[in-house]
Each structure stands twice: as C-alpha cells, then as structure tokens.
mmCIF file of all heavy atoms, coordinates in Angstrom:
data_MODEL
# 
_entry.id   MODEL 
# 
loop_
_atom_site.group_PDB 
_atom_site.id 
_atom_site.type_symbol 
_atom_site.label_atom_id 
_atom_site.label_alt_id 
_atom_site.label_comp_id 
_atom_site.label_asym_id 
_atom_site.label_entity_id 
_atom_site.label_seq_id 
_atom_site.pdbx_PDB_ins_code 
_atom_site.Cartn_x 
_atom_site.Cartn_y 
_atom_site.Cartn_z 
_atom_site.occupancy 
_atom_site.B_iso_or_equiv 
_atom_site.pdbx_formal_charge 
_atom_site.auth_seq_id 
_atom_site.auth_comp_id 
_atom_site.auth_asym_id 
_atom_site.auth_atom_id 
_atom_site.pdbx_PDB_model_num 
ATOM 1   N N   . GLY A 1 1  ? -32.651 -24.894 112.688 1.00 0.00 ? 1  GLY A N   1 
ATOM 2   C CA  . GLY A 1 1  ? -31.222 -25.123 112.519 1.00 0.00 ? 1  GLY A CA  1 
ATOM 3   C C   . GLY A 1 1  ? -30.423 -24.088 113.275 1.00 0.00 ? 1  GLY A C   1 
ATOM 4   O O   . GLY A 1 1  ? -30.923 -23.012 113.599 1.00 0.00 ? 1  GLY A O   1 
ATOM 5   N N   . TRP A 1 2  ? -29.188 -24.432 113.591 1.00 0.00 ? 2  TRP A N   1 
ATOM 6   C CA  . TRP A 1 2  ? -28.245 -23.504 114.197 1.00 0.00 ? 2  TRP A CA  1 
ATOM 7   C C   . TRP A 1 2  ? -27.011 -23.390 113.308 1.00 0.00 ? 2  TRP A C   1 
ATOM 8   O O   . TRP A 1 2  ? -26.590 -24.358 112.686 1.00 0.00 ? 2  TRP A O   1 
ATOM 9   C CB  . TRP A 1 2  ? -27.765 -24.014 115.553 1.00 0.00 ? 2  TRP A CB  1 
ATOM 10  C CG  . TRP A 1 2  ? -28.677 -23.841 116.719 1.00 0.00 ? 2  TRP A CG  1 
ATOM 11  C CD1 . TRP A 1 2  ? -29.264 -24.841 117.458 1.00 0.00 ? 2  TRP A CD1 1 
ATOM 12  C CD2 . TRP A 1 2  ? -29.085 -22.614 117.319 1.00 0.00 ? 2  TRP A CD2 1 
ATOM 13  N NE1 . TRP A 1 2  ? -30.014 -24.300 118.471 1.00 0.00 ? 2  TRP A NE1 1 
ATOM 14  C CE2 . TRP A 1 2  ? -29.922 -22.940 118.413 1.00 0.00 ? 2  TRP A CE2 1 
ATOM 15  C CE3 . TRP A 1 2  ? -28.834 -21.262 117.041 1.00 0.00 ? 2  TRP A CE3 1 
ATOM 16  C CZ2 . TRP A 1 2  ? -30.506 -21.968 119.227 1.00 0.00 ? 2  TRP A CZ2 1 
ATOM 17  C CZ3 . TRP A 1 2  ? -29.418 -20.303 117.856 1.00 0.00 ? 2  TRP A CZ3 1 
ATOM 18  C CH2 . TRP A 1 2  ? -30.241 -20.653 118.937 1.00 0.00 ? 2  TRP A CH2 1 
ATOM 19  N N   . THR A 1 3  ? -26.405 -22.218 113.305 1.00 0.00 ? 3  THR A N   1 
ATOM 20  C CA  . THR A 1 3  ? -25.063 -22.122 112.760 1.00 0.00 ? 3  THR A CA  1 
ATOM 21  C C   . THR A 1 3  ? -24.110 -22.844 113.702 1.00 0.00 ? 3  THR A C   1 
ATOM 22  O O   . THR A 1 3  ? -24.327 -22.890 114.910 1.00 0.00 ? 3  THR A O   1 
ATOM 23  C CB  . THR A 1 3  ? -24.607 -20.657 112.610 1.00 0.00 ? 3  THR A CB  1 
ATOM 24  O OG1 . THR A 1 3  ? -24.702 -19.998 113.879 1.00 0.00 ? 3  THR A OG1 1 
ATOM 25  C CG2 . THR A 1 3  ? -25.436 -19.915 111.590 1.00 0.00 ? 3  THR A CG2 1 
ATOM 26  N N   . ILE A 1 4  ? -23.069 -23.423 113.147 1.00 0.00 ? 4  ILE A N   1 
ATOM 27  C CA  . ILE A 1 4  ? -22.028 -24.079 113.936 1.00 0.00 ? 4  ILE A CA  1 
ATOM 28  C C   . ILE A 1 4  ? -20.873 -23.101 114.063 1.00 0.00 ? 4  ILE A C   1 
ATOM 29  O O   . ILE A 1 4  ? -20.242 -22.747 113.068 1.00 0.00 ? 4  ILE A O   1 
ATOM 30  C CB  . ILE A 1 4  ? -21.562 -25.384 113.270 1.00 0.00 ? 4  ILE A CB  1 
ATOM 31  C CG1 . ILE A 1 4  ? -22.739 -26.349 113.095 1.00 0.00 ? 4  ILE A CG1 1 
ATOM 32  C CG2 . ILE A 1 4  ? -20.452 -26.032 114.079 1.00 0.00 ? 4  ILE A CG2 1 
ATOM 33  C CD1 . ILE A 1 4  ? -22.403 -27.585 112.286 1.00 0.00 ? 4  ILE A CD1 1 
ATOM 34  N N   . THR A 1 5  ? -20.610 -22.661 115.273 1.00 0.00 ? 5  THR A N   1 
ATOM 35  C CA  . THR A 1 5  ? -19.596 -21.632 115.486 1.00 0.00 ? 5  THR A CA  1 
ATOM 36  C C   . THR A 1 5  ? -18.191 -22.210 115.409 1.00 0.00 ? 5  THR A C   1 
ATOM 37  O O   . THR A 1 5  ? -17.982 -23.415 115.566 1.00 0.00 ? 5  THR A O   1 
ATOM 38  C CB  . THR A 1 5  ? -19.799 -20.955 116.845 1.00 0.00 ? 5  THR A CB  1 
ATOM 39  O OG1 . THR A 1 5  ? -19.721 -21.951 117.863 1.00 0.00 ? 5  THR A OG1 1 
ATOM 40  C CG2 . THR A 1 5  ? -21.159 -20.277 116.909 1.00 0.00 ? 5  THR A CG2 1 
ATOM 41  N N   . GLN A 1 6  ? -17.207 -21.336 115.189 1.00 0.00 ? 6  GLN A N   1 
ATOM 42  C CA  . GLN A 1 6  ? -15.825 -21.784 115.068 1.00 0.00 ? 6  GLN A CA  1 
ATOM 43  C C   . GLN A 1 6  ? -15.293 -22.290 116.399 1.00 0.00 ? 6  GLN A C   1 
ATOM 44  O O   . GLN A 1 6  ? -14.497 -23.216 116.435 1.00 0.00 ? 6  GLN A O   1 
ATOM 45  C CB  . GLN A 1 6  ? -14.950 -20.644 114.526 1.00 0.00 ? 6  GLN A CB  1 
ATOM 46  C CG  . GLN A 1 6  ? -15.397 -20.117 113.185 1.00 0.00 ? 6  GLN A CG  1 
ATOM 47  C CD  . GLN A 1 6  ? -15.612 -21.235 112.183 1.00 0.00 ? 6  GLN A CD  1 
ATOM 48  O OE1 . GLN A 1 6  ? -14.746 -22.099 112.031 1.00 0.00 ? 6  GLN A OE1 1 
ATOM 49  N NE2 . GLN A 1 6  ? -16.744 -21.234 111.505 1.00 0.00 ? 6  GLN A NE2 1 
ATOM 50  N N   . ASP A 1 7  ? -15.703 -21.677 117.490 1.00 0.00 ? 7  ASP A N   1 
ATOM 51  C CA  . ASP A 1 7  ? -15.348 -22.178 118.807 1.00 0.00 ? 7  ASP A CA  1 
ATOM 52  C C   . ASP A 1 7  ? -16.487 -23.068 119.297 1.00 0.00 ? 7  ASP A C   1 
ATOM 53  O O   . ASP A 1 7  ? -17.666 -22.732 119.122 1.00 0.00 ? 7  ASP A O   1 
ATOM 54  C CB  . ASP A 1 7  ? -15.130 -21.028 119.786 1.00 0.00 ? 7  ASP A CB  1 
ATOM 55  C CG  . ASP A 1 7  ? -14.612 -21.502 121.137 1.00 0.00 ? 7  ASP A CG  1 
ATOM 56  O OD1 . ASP A 1 7  ? -15.441 -21.907 121.976 1.00 0.00 ? 7  ASP A OD1 1 
ATOM 57  O OD2 . ASP A 1 7  ? -13.386 -21.480 121.328 1.00 0.00 ? 7  ASP A OD2 1 
ATOM 58  N N   . PRO A 1 8  ? -16.184 -24.194 119.936 1.00 0.00 ? 8  PRO A N   1 
ATOM 59  C CA  . PRO A 1 8  ? -17.246 -25.140 120.298 1.00 0.00 ? 8  PRO A CA  1 
ATOM 60  C C   . PRO A 1 8  ? -18.024 -24.787 121.551 1.00 0.00 ? 8  PRO A C   1 
ATOM 61  O O   . PRO A 1 8  ? -18.823 -25.619 122.012 1.00 0.00 ? 8  PRO A O   1 
ATOM 62  C CB  . PRO A 1 8  ? -16.469 -26.452 120.490 1.00 0.00 ? 8  PRO A CB  1 
ATOM 63  C CG  . PRO A 1 8  ? -15.107 -26.027 120.916 1.00 0.00 ? 8  PRO A CG  1 
ATOM 64  C CD  . PRO A 1 8  ? -14.841 -24.770 120.143 1.00 0.00 ? 8  PRO A CD  1 
ATOM 65  N N   . ASP A 1 9  ? -17.849 -23.597 122.099 1.00 0.00 ? 9  ASP A N   1 
ATOM 66  C CA  . ASP A 1 9  ? -18.601 -23.197 123.287 1.00 0.00 ? 9  ASP A CA  1 
ATOM 67  C C   . ASP A 1 9  ? -20.080 -23.047 122.925 1.00 0.00 ? 9  ASP A C   1 
ATOM 68  O O   . ASP A 1 9  ? -20.460 -22.142 122.177 1.00 0.00 ? 9  ASP A O   1 
ATOM 69  C CB  . ASP A 1 9  ? -18.045 -21.884 123.832 1.00 0.00 ? 9  ASP A CB  1 
ATOM 70  C CG  . ASP A 1 9  ? -18.743 -21.429 125.105 1.00 0.00 ? 9  ASP A CG  1 
ATOM 71  O OD1 . ASP A 1 9  ? -19.615 -22.164 125.605 1.00 0.00 ? 9  ASP A OD1 1 
ATOM 72  O OD2 . ASP A 1 9  ? -18.414 -20.335 125.588 1.00 0.00 ? 9  ASP A OD2 1 
ATOM 73  N N   . ILE A 1 10 ? -20.920 -23.929 123.467 1.00 0.00 ? 10 ILE A N   1 
ATOM 74  C CA  . ILE A 1 10 ? -22.357 -23.913 123.175 1.00 0.00 ? 10 ILE A CA  1 
ATOM 75  C C   . ILE A 1 10 ? -23.170 -23.603 124.437 1.00 0.00 ? 10 ILE A C   1 
ATOM 76  O O   . ILE A 1 10 ? -24.326 -23.979 124.557 1.00 0.00 ? 10 ILE A O   1 
ATOM 77  C CB  . ILE A 1 10 ? -22.805 -25.248 122.539 1.00 0.00 ? 10 ILE A CB  1 
ATOM 78  C CG1 . ILE A 1 10 ? -22.339 -26.440 123.387 1.00 0.00 ? 10 ILE A CG1 1 
ATOM 79  C CG2 . ILE A 1 10 ? -22.289 -25.353 121.107 1.00 0.00 ? 10 ILE A CG2 1 
ATOM 80  C CD1 . ILE A 1 10 ? -22.816 -27.793 122.882 1.00 0.00 ? 10 ILE A CD1 1 
ATOM 81  N N   . PHE A 1 11 ? -22.542 -22.887 125.354 1.00 0.00 ? 11 PHE A N   1 
ATOM 82  C CA  . PHE A 1 11 ? -23.164 -22.505 126.620 1.00 0.00 ? 11 PHE A CA  1 
ATOM 83  C C   . PHE A 1 11 ? -24.505 -21.819 126.403 1.00 0.00 ? 11 PHE A C   1 
ATOM 84  O O   . PHE A 1 11 ? -25.501 -22.126 127.068 1.00 0.00 ? 11 PHE A O   1 
ATOM 85  C CB  . PHE A 1 11 ? -22.199 -21.577 127.366 1.00 0.00 ? 11 PHE A CB  1 
ATOM 86  C CG  . PHE A 1 11 ? -22.654 -21.129 128.728 1.00 0.00 ? 11 PHE A CG  1 
ATOM 87  C CD1 . PHE A 1 11 ? -22.153 -21.728 129.874 1.00 0.00 ? 11 PHE A CD1 1 
ATOM 88  C CD2 . PHE A 1 11 ? -23.542 -20.073 128.874 1.00 0.00 ? 11 PHE A CD2 1 
ATOM 89  C CE1 . PHE A 1 11 ? -22.551 -21.305 131.139 1.00 0.00 ? 11 PHE A CE1 1 
ATOM 90  C CE2 . PHE A 1 11 ? -23.956 -19.645 130.132 1.00 0.00 ? 11 PHE A CE2 1 
ATOM 91  C CZ  . PHE A 1 11 ? -23.453 -20.262 131.263 1.00 0.00 ? 11 PHE A CZ  1 
ATOM 92  N N   . ALA A 1 12 ? -24.566 -20.871 125.470 1.00 0.00 ? 12 ALA A N   1 
ATOM 93  C CA  . ALA A 1 12 ? -25.758 -20.034 125.309 1.00 0.00 ? 12 ALA A CA  1 
ATOM 94  C C   . ALA A 1 12 ? -26.978 -20.834 124.869 1.00 0.00 ? 12 ALA A C   1 
ATOM 95  O O   . ALA A 1 12 ? -28.112 -20.418 125.120 1.00 0.00 ? 12 ALA A O   1 
ATOM 96  C CB  . ALA A 1 12 ? -25.482 -18.917 124.298 1.00 0.00 ? 12 ALA A CB  1 
ATOM 97  N N   . VAL A 1 13 ? -26.767 -21.978 124.237 1.00 0.00 ? 13 VAL A N   1 
ATOM 98  C CA  . VAL A 1 13 ? -27.888 -22.788 123.752 1.00 0.00 ? 13 VAL A CA  1 
ATOM 99  C C   . VAL A 1 13 ? -28.252 -23.906 124.727 1.00 0.00 ? 13 VAL A C   1 
ATOM 100 O O   . VAL A 1 13 ? -29.419 -24.269 124.841 1.00 0.00 ? 13 VAL A O   1 
ATOM 101 C CB  . VAL A 1 13 ? -27.562 -23.377 122.367 1.00 0.00 ? 13 VAL A CB  1 
ATOM 102 C CG1 . VAL A 1 13 ? -28.638 -24.350 121.913 1.00 0.00 ? 13 VAL A CG1 1 
ATOM 103 C CG2 . VAL A 1 13 ? -27.394 -22.259 121.342 1.00 0.00 ? 13 VAL A CG2 1 
ATOM 104 N N   . TRP A 1 14 ? -27.274 -24.409 125.497 1.00 0.00 ? 14 TRP A N   1 
ATOM 105 C CA  . TRP A 1 14 ? -27.510 -25.631 126.255 1.00 0.00 ? 14 TRP A CA  1 
ATOM 106 C C   . TRP A 1 14 ? -27.432 -25.484 127.770 1.00 0.00 ? 14 TRP A C   1 
ATOM 107 O O   . TRP A 1 14 ? -27.883 -26.374 128.487 1.00 0.00 ? 14 TRP A O   1 
ATOM 108 C CB  . TRP A 1 14 ? -26.522 -26.711 125.801 1.00 0.00 ? 14 TRP A CB  1 
ATOM 109 C CG  . TRP A 1 14 ? -26.780 -27.157 124.406 1.00 0.00 ? 14 TRP A CG  1 
ATOM 110 C CD1 . TRP A 1 14 ? -26.054 -26.855 123.292 1.00 0.00 ? 14 TRP A CD1 1 
ATOM 111 C CD2 . TRP A 1 14 ? -27.857 -27.975 123.951 1.00 0.00 ? 14 TRP A CD2 1 
ATOM 112 N NE1 . TRP A 1 14 ? -26.604 -27.435 122.182 1.00 0.00 ? 14 TRP A NE1 1 
ATOM 113 C CE2 . TRP A 1 14 ? -27.720 -28.136 122.560 1.00 0.00 ? 14 TRP A CE2 1 
ATOM 114 C CE3 . TRP A 1 14 ? -28.934 -28.591 124.587 1.00 0.00 ? 14 TRP A CE3 1 
ATOM 115 C CZ2 . TRP A 1 14 ? -28.601 -28.886 121.796 1.00 0.00 ? 14 TRP A CZ2 1 
ATOM 116 C CZ3 . TRP A 1 14 ? -29.821 -29.337 123.838 1.00 0.00 ? 14 TRP A CZ3 1 
ATOM 117 C CH2 . TRP A 1 14 ? -29.645 -29.484 122.461 1.00 0.00 ? 14 TRP A CH2 1 
ATOM 118 N N   . HIS A 1 15 ? -26.854 -24.409 128.277 1.00 0.00 ? 15 HIS A N   1 
ATOM 119 C CA  . HIS A 1 15 ? -26.730 -24.275 129.736 1.00 0.00 ? 15 HIS A CA  1 
ATOM 120 C C   . HIS A 1 15 ? -28.092 -23.973 130.357 1.00 0.00 ? 15 HIS A C   1 
ATOM 121 O O   . HIS A 1 15 ? -28.916 -23.250 129.786 1.00 0.00 ? 15 HIS A O   1 
ATOM 122 C CB  . HIS A 1 15 ? -25.738 -23.159 130.083 1.00 0.00 ? 15 HIS A CB  1 
ATOM 123 C CG  . HIS A 1 15 ? -25.275 -23.186 131.499 1.00 0.00 ? 15 HIS A CG  1 
ATOM 124 N ND1 . HIS A 1 15 ? -25.975 -22.562 132.516 1.00 0.00 ? 15 HIS A ND1 1 
ATOM 125 C CD2 . HIS A 1 15 ? -24.201 -23.769 132.090 1.00 0.00 ? 15 HIS A CD2 1 
ATOM 126 C CE1 . HIS A 1 15 ? -25.342 -22.754 133.659 1.00 0.00 ? 15 HIS A CE1 1 
ATOM 127 N NE2 . HIS A 1 15 ? -24.270 -23.484 133.431 1.00 0.00 ? 15 HIS A NE2 1 
ATOM 128 N N   . SER A 1 16 ? -28.325 -24.519 131.540 1.00 0.00 ? 16 SER A N   1 
ATOM 129 C CA  . SER A 1 16 ? -29.620 -24.341 132.217 1.00 0.00 ? 16 SER A CA  1 
ATOM 130 C C   . SER A 1 16 ? -29.956 -22.877 132.451 1.00 0.00 ? 16 SER A C   1 
ATOM 131 O O   . SER A 1 16 ? -31.132 -22.491 132.426 1.00 0.00 ? 16 SER A O   1 
ATOM 132 C CB  . SER A 1 16 ? -29.616 -25.085 133.555 1.00 0.00 ? 16 SER A CB  1 
ATOM 133 O OG  . SER A 1 16 ? -29.418 -26.463 133.373 1.00 0.00 ? 16 SER A OG  1 
ATOM 134 N N   . SER A 1 17 ? -28.940 -22.051 132.678 1.00 0.00 ? 17 SER A N   1 
ATOM 135 C CA  . SER A 1 17 ? -29.183 -20.631 132.951 1.00 0.00 ? 17 SER A CA  1 
ATOM 136 C C   . SER A 1 17 ? -29.788 -19.903 131.769 1.00 0.00 ? 17 SER A C   1 
ATOM 137 O O   . SER A 1 17 ? -30.348 -18.811 131.924 1.00 0.00 ? 17 SER A O   1 
ATOM 138 C CB  . SER A 1 17 ? -27.878 -19.943 133.360 1.00 0.00 ? 17 SER A CB  1 
ATOM 139 O OG  . SER A 1 17 ? -26.950 -19.938 132.274 1.00 0.00 ? 17 SER A OG  1 
ATOM 140 N N   . GLN A 1 18 ? -29.686 -20.503 130.583 1.00 0.00 ? 18 GLN A N   1 
ATOM 141 C CA  . GLN A 1 18 ? -30.199 -19.856 129.380 1.00 0.00 ? 18 GLN A CA  1 
ATOM 142 C C   . GLN A 1 18 ? -31.626 -20.295 129.041 1.00 0.00 ? 18 GLN A C   1 
ATOM 143 O O   . GLN A 1 18 ? -32.197 -19.859 128.040 1.00 0.00 ? 18 GLN A O   1 
ATOM 144 C CB  . GLN A 1 18 ? -29.277 -20.155 128.189 1.00 0.00 ? 18 GLN A CB  1 
ATOM 145 C CG  . GLN A 1 18 ? -27.821 -19.801 128.442 1.00 0.00 ? 18 GLN A CG  1 
ATOM 146 C CD  . GLN A 1 18 ? -27.633 -18.355 128.835 1.00 0.00 ? 18 GLN A CD  1 
ATOM 147 O OE1 . GLN A 1 18 ? -27.979 -17.442 128.075 1.00 0.00 ? 18 GLN A OE1 1 
ATOM 148 N NE2 . GLN A 1 18 ? -27.091 -18.117 130.016 1.00 0.00 ? 18 GLN A NE2 1 
ATOM 149 N N   . ALA A 1 19 ? -32.200 -21.152 129.881 1.00 0.00 ? 19 ALA A N   1 
ATOM 150 C CA  . ALA A 1 19 ? -33.582 -21.609 129.675 1.00 0.00 ? 19 ALA A CA  1 
ATOM 151 C C   . ALA A 1 19 ? -34.549 -20.630 130.328 1.00 0.00 ? 19 ALA A C   1 
ATOM 152 O O   . ALA A 1 19 ? -35.284 -20.951 131.256 1.00 0.00 ? 19 ALA A O   1 
ATOM 153 C CB  . ALA A 1 19 ? -33.759 -23.009 130.244 1.00 0.00 ? 19 ALA A CB  1 
ATOM 154 N N   . VAL A 1 20 ? -34.529 -19.402 129.819 1.00 0.00 ? 20 VAL A N   1 
ATOM 155 C CA  . VAL A 1 20 ? -35.338 -18.308 130.353 1.00 0.00 ? 20 VAL A CA  1 
ATOM 156 C C   . VAL A 1 20 ? -36.034 -17.612 129.187 1.00 0.00 ? 20 VAL A C   1 
ATOM 157 O O   . VAL A 1 20 ? -35.631 -17.773 128.025 1.00 0.00 ? 20 VAL A O   1 
ATOM 158 C CB  . VAL A 1 20 ? -34.458 -17.295 131.120 1.00 0.00 ? 20 VAL A CB  1 
ATOM 159 C CG1 . VAL A 1 20 ? -33.835 -17.943 132.349 1.00 0.00 ? 20 VAL A CG1 1 
ATOM 160 C CG2 . VAL A 1 20 ? -33.354 -16.721 130.210 1.00 0.00 ? 20 VAL A CG2 1 
ATOM 161 N N   . PRO A 1 21 ? -37.092 -16.851 129.447 1.00 0.00 ? 21 PRO A N   1 
ATOM 162 C CA  . PRO A 1 21 ? -37.743 -16.122 128.349 1.00 0.00 ? 21 PRO A CA  1 
ATOM 163 C C   . PRO A 1 21 ? -36.727 -15.267 127.580 1.00 0.00 ? 21 PRO A C   1 
ATOM 164 O O   . PRO A 1 21 ? -35.971 -14.505 128.178 1.00 0.00 ? 21 PRO A O   1 
ATOM 165 C CB  . PRO A 1 21 ? -38.775 -15.256 129.074 1.00 0.00 ? 21 PRO A CB  1 
ATOM 166 C CG  . PRO A 1 21 ? -39.095 -16.025 130.316 1.00 0.00 ? 21 PRO A CG  1 
ATOM 167 C CD  . PRO A 1 21 ? -37.809 -16.662 130.736 1.00 0.00 ? 21 PRO A CD  1 
ATOM 168 N N   . GLY A 1 22 ? -36.712 -15.420 126.280 1.00 0.00 ? 22 GLY A N   1 
ATOM 169 C CA  . GLY A 1 22 ? -35.761 -14.697 125.443 1.00 0.00 ? 22 GLY A CA  1 
ATOM 170 C C   . GLY A 1 22 ? -34.417 -15.373 125.327 1.00 0.00 ? 22 GLY A C   1 
ATOM 171 O O   . GLY A 1 22 ? -33.571 -14.947 124.548 1.00 0.00 ? 22 GLY A O   1 
ATOM 172 N N   . GLY A 1 23 ? -34.180 -16.454 126.098 1.00 0.00 ? 23 GLY A N   1 
ATOM 173 C CA  . GLY A 1 23 ? -32.916 -17.166 126.019 1.00 0.00 ? 23 GLY A CA  1 
ATOM 174 C C   . GLY A 1 23 ? -32.865 -18.092 124.822 1.00 0.00 ? 23 GLY A C   1 
ATOM 175 O O   . GLY A 1 23 ? -33.894 -18.468 124.250 1.00 0.00 ? 23 GLY A O   1 
ATOM 176 N N   . LEU A 1 24 ? -31.657 -18.511 124.454 1.00 0.00 ? 24 LEU A N   1 
ATOM 177 C CA  . LEU A 1 24 ? -31.496 -19.377 123.291 1.00 0.00 ? 24 LEU A CA  1 
ATOM 178 C C   . LEU A 1 24 ? -31.761 -20.844 123.621 1.00 0.00 ? 24 LEU A C   1 
ATOM 179 O O   . LEU A 1 24 ? -31.938 -21.660 122.715 1.00 0.00 ? 24 LEU A O   1 
ATOM 180 C CB  . LEU A 1 24 ? -30.091 -19.208 122.704 1.00 0.00 ? 24 LEU A CB  1 
ATOM 181 C CG  . LEU A 1 24 ? -29.736 -17.779 122.256 1.00 0.00 ? 24 LEU A CG  1 
ATOM 182 C CD1 . LEU A 1 24 ? -28.363 -17.760 121.590 1.00 0.00 ? 24 LEU A CD1 1 
ATOM 183 C CD2 . LEU A 1 24 ? -30.787 -17.203 121.326 1.00 0.00 ? 24 LEU A CD2 1 
ATOM 184 N N   . ASN A 1 25 ? -31.820 -21.181 124.893 1.00 0.00 ? 25 ASN A N   1 
ATOM 185 C CA  . ASN A 1 25 ? -32.207 -22.536 125.298 1.00 0.00 ? 25 ASN A CA  1 
ATOM 186 C C   . ASN A 1 25 ? -33.731 -22.581 125.389 1.00 0.00 ? 25 ASN A C   1 
ATOM 187 O O   . ASN A 1 25 ? -34.320 -22.773 126.452 1.00 0.00 ? 25 ASN A O   1 
ATOM 188 C CB  . ASN A 1 25 ? -31.563 -22.881 126.643 1.00 0.00 ? 25 ASN A CB  1 
ATOM 189 C CG  . ASN A 1 25 ? -31.813 -24.313 127.077 1.00 0.00 ? 25 ASN A CG  1 
ATOM 190 O OD1 . ASN A 1 25 ? -32.566 -25.055 126.445 1.00 0.00 ? 25 ASN A OD1 1 
ATOM 191 N ND2 . ASN A 1 25 ? -31.204 -24.708 128.184 1.00 0.00 ? 25 ASN A ND2 1 
ATOM 192 N N   . PHE A 1 26 ? -34.387 -22.413 124.244 1.00 0.00 ? 26 PHE A N   1 
ATOM 193 C CA  . PHE A 1 26 ? -35.841 -22.265 124.235 1.00 0.00 ? 26 PHE A CA  1 
ATOM 194 C C   . PHE A 1 26 ? -36.584 -23.591 124.385 1.00 0.00 ? 26 PHE A C   1 
ATOM 195 O O   . PHE A 1 26 ? -37.805 -23.604 124.509 1.00 0.00 ? 26 PHE A O   1 
ATOM 196 C CB  . PHE A 1 26 ? -36.317 -21.545 122.969 1.00 0.00 ? 26 PHE A CB  1 
ATOM 197 C CG  . PHE A 1 26 ? -35.763 -22.089 121.681 1.00 0.00 ? 26 PHE A CG  1 
ATOM 198 C CD1 . PHE A 1 26 ? -36.231 -23.264 121.148 1.00 0.00 ? 26 PHE A CD1 1 
ATOM 199 C CD2 . PHE A 1 26 ? -34.768 -21.402 121.001 1.00 0.00 ? 26 PHE A CD2 1 
ATOM 200 C CE1 . PHE A 1 26 ? -35.716 -23.775 119.969 1.00 0.00 ? 26 PHE A CE1 1 
ATOM 201 C CE2 . PHE A 1 26 ? -34.249 -21.899 119.815 1.00 0.00 ? 26 PHE A CE2 1 
ATOM 202 C CZ  . PHE A 1 26 ? -34.726 -23.094 119.298 1.00 0.00 ? 26 PHE A CZ  1 
ATOM 203 N N   . ILE A 1 27 ? -35.855 -24.729 124.375 1.00 0.00 ? 27 ILE A N   1 
ATOM 204 C CA  . ILE A 1 27 ? -36.512 -26.010 124.637 1.00 0.00 ? 27 ILE A CA  1 
ATOM 205 C C   . ILE A 1 27 ? -36.530 -26.317 126.135 1.00 0.00 ? 27 ILE A C   1 
ATOM 206 O O   . ILE A 1 27 ? -37.115 -27.308 126.561 1.00 0.00 ? 27 ILE A O   1 
ATOM 207 C CB  . ILE A 1 27 ? -35.847 -27.171 123.877 1.00 0.00 ? 27 ILE A CB  1 
ATOM 208 C CG1 . ILE A 1 27 ? -34.415 -27.408 124.366 1.00 0.00 ? 27 ILE A CG1 1 
ATOM 209 C CG2 . ILE A 1 27 ? -35.892 -26.933 122.365 1.00 0.00 ? 27 ILE A CG2 1 
ATOM 210 C CD1 . ILE A 1 27 ? -33.814 -28.707 123.877 1.00 0.00 ? 27 ILE A CD1 1 
# 
C-alpha cells in the first residue's frame, strides 16, 4: 500500500527516472 499524499504529484512512484535501485518505482 501507499499513503495518498495531499498533493497529487506522484512523480517519485511512477516516473521512469525513479525505476532505479533504491527508487520508489520498484516495479
């Protein structure tokens, strides 16, 4: 599960740049 943040910016979880070791886009 994820917390739903007050601002809808979900860059850290879904942007391609975050699909790196230790990144939040772990899928």
